[in-house]
Amino acid sequence: MKDKFYHTPQEVSKALGIETYVLRYWETQFPFLKPERTNVGWRRYRKEDISKIILIKKLLYDEHFTIKGAKQRLKELRKDGTLELKTTFEKALKENILKEIKEALEEVLAMLKET
């Protein structure tokens, strides 16, 4: 995928392995996550927005914070000045693709073991 200035919710959703409705929900829960909108109201995410989404996903899915806990943790990180938003969209896309390939290979291996 080319390095674009804006990405659609579908592109972000696929790259990060989350549903588009989750993105919409997170926008309601995390006020700093406000993607730009086109003239007809479609959302489009900039790299900064995607970095925020990656951080939110990490807190919620990897570190098992609740929404409330993630909000508090983000507040603490901003206060300390250690808020890290450098993960790129392209890196997340590659990681998700590699994860899908690994899962497919594991399924093939399981089928081969059965025969």
Protein backbone atom coordinates (compact mmCIF):
# COMPACT_ATOMS: atom_id res chain seq x y z
CA MET A 1 0.00 0.00 0.00
CA LYS A 2 1.34 3.40 -0.93
CA ASP A 3 2.09 5.95 1.73
CA LYS A 4 -1.05 8.09 1.59
CA PHE A 5 -1.93 11.18 3.56
CA TYR A 6 -5.42 9.88 4.43
CA HIS A 7 -6.83 6.39 4.95
CA THR A 8 -10.43 5.21 4.96
CA PRO A 9 -11.99 3.52 7.97
CA GLN A 10 -12.02 0.27 5.98
CA GLU A 11 -8.26 0.49 5.32
CA VAL A 12 -7.51 1.21 8.96
CA SER A 13 -9.89 -1.50 10.13
CA LYS A 14 -8.30 -4.14 7.90
CA ALA A 15 -4.73 -3.12 8.73
CA LEU A 16 -5.29 -3.15 12.49
CA GLY A 17 -7.58 -6.15 12.65
CA ILE A 18 -10.53 -4.36 14.22
CA GLU A 19 -14.03 -3.66 12.97
CA THR A 20 -15.08 -0.26 11.64
CA TYR A 21 -17.83 0.01 14.26
CA VAL A 22 -15.12 -0.28 16.93
CA LEU A 23 -13.37 2.75 15.41
CA ARG A 24 -16.62 4.71 15.54
CA TYR A 25 -17.17 3.70 19.17
CA TRP A 26 -13.65 4.69 20.16
CA GLU A 27 -14.23 8.11 18.62
CA THR A 28 -17.10 8.58 21.06
CA GLN A 29 -15.03 7.42 24.04
CA PHE A 30 -11.71 9.13 23.34
CA PRO A 31 -12.28 12.82 22.57
CA PHE A 32 -8.78 13.33 21.14
CA LEU A 33 -9.60 10.84 18.36
CA LYS A 34 -11.37 13.03 15.81
CA PRO A 35 -10.71 12.06 12.19
CA GLU A 36 -11.30 14.66 9.52
CA ARG A 37 -14.45 14.41 7.45
CA THR A 38 -14.99 14.97 3.75
CA ASN A 39 -17.63 17.35 2.42
CA VAL A 40 -20.13 14.49 2.38
CA GLY A 41 -19.28 13.42 5.94
CA TRP A 42 -17.02 10.42 5.32
CA ARG A 43 -14.29 9.94 7.88
CA ARG A 44 -10.65 9.87 6.85
CA TYR A 45 -7.77 9.10 9.14
CA ARG A 46 -4.40 10.82 9.11
CA LYS A 47 -1.21 9.15 10.33
CA GLU A 48 -1.60 10.87 13.71
CA ASP A 49 -5.11 9.45 14.08
CA ILE A 50 -3.89 5.97 13.22
CA SER A 51 -1.09 6.20 15.76
CA LYS A 52 -3.68 7.10 18.41
CA ILE A 53 -5.84 4.14 17.38
CA ILE A 54 -2.85 1.80 17.60
CA LEU A 55 -2.13 3.05 21.12
CA ILE A 56 -5.77 2.65 22.17
CA LYS A 57 -5.82 -0.87 20.73
CA LYS A 58 -2.63 -1.74 22.59
CA LEU A 59 -4.06 -0.51 25.89
CA LEU A 60 -7.41 -2.25 25.45
CA TYR A 61 -6.44 -5.51 23.75
CA ASP A 62 -2.83 -6.18 24.75
CA GLU A 63 -2.69 -4.64 28.22
CA HIS A 64 -6.36 -5.44 29.02
CA PHE A 65 -7.37 -2.00 30.25
CA THR A 66 -11.04 -1.09 30.43
CA ILE A 67 -12.16 1.99 28.51
CA LYS A 68 -12.08 3.96 31.74
CA GLY A 69 -8.65 2.58 32.62
CA ALA A 70 -7.30 3.35 29.15
CA LYS A 71 -8.54 6.93 29.42
CA GLN A 72 -6.78 7.29 32.76
CA ARG A 73 -3.57 5.74 31.43
CA LEU A 74 -3.57 8.07 28.40
CA LYS A 75 -4.07 11.01 30.72
CA GLU A 76 -1.08 9.88 32.79
CA LEU A 77 1.08 9.40 29.69
CA ARG A 78 0.22 12.87 28.38
CA LYS A 79 0.96 14.39 31.79
CA ASP A 80 4.34 12.63 32.00
CA GLY A 81 5.17 13.53 28.42
CA THR A 82 5.77 9.88 27.54
CA LEU A 83 2.86 9.46 25.14
CA GLU A 84 4.33 7.38 22.31
CA LEU A 85 2.59 7.78 18.94
CA LYS A 86 5.29 6.66 16.52
CA THR A 87 3.88 3.32 15.34
CA THR A 88 3.19 3.62 11.63
CA PHE A 89 0.18 2.45 9.69
CA GLU A 90 2.39 0.51 7.29
CA LYS A 91 4.04 -1.36 10.17
CA ALA A 92 0.65 -2.25 11.65
CA LEU A 93 -0.59 -3.42 8.24
CA LYS A 94 2.44 -5.68 7.78
CA GLU A 95 2.07 -7.10 11.30
CA ASN A 96 -1.59 -7.90 10.68
CA ILE A 97 -0.83 -9.56 7.33
CA LEU A 98 1.92 -11.64 8.93
CA LYS A 99 -0.47 -12.66 11.70
CA GLU A 100 -3.06 -13.80 9.12
CA ILE A 101 -0.41 -15.78 7.21
CA LYS A 102 0.78 -17.45 10.41
CA GLU A 103 -2.78 -18.45 11.34
CA ALA A 104 -3.37 -19.87 7.84
CA LEU A 105 -0.14 -21.87 7.98
CA GLU A 106 -1.06 -23.22 11.40
CA GLU A 107 -4.41 -24.38 9.99
CA VAL A 108 -2.66 -26.11 7.09
CA LEU A 109 -0.24 -27.78 9.50
CA ALA A 110 -3.14 -29.00 11.64
CA MET A 111 -4.85 -30.47 8.57
CA LEU A 112 -1.62 -32.20 7.51
CA LYS A 113 -1.21 -33.73 10.96
CA GLU A 114 -4.73 -35.18 10.73
CA THR A 115 -3.90 -37.15 7.59
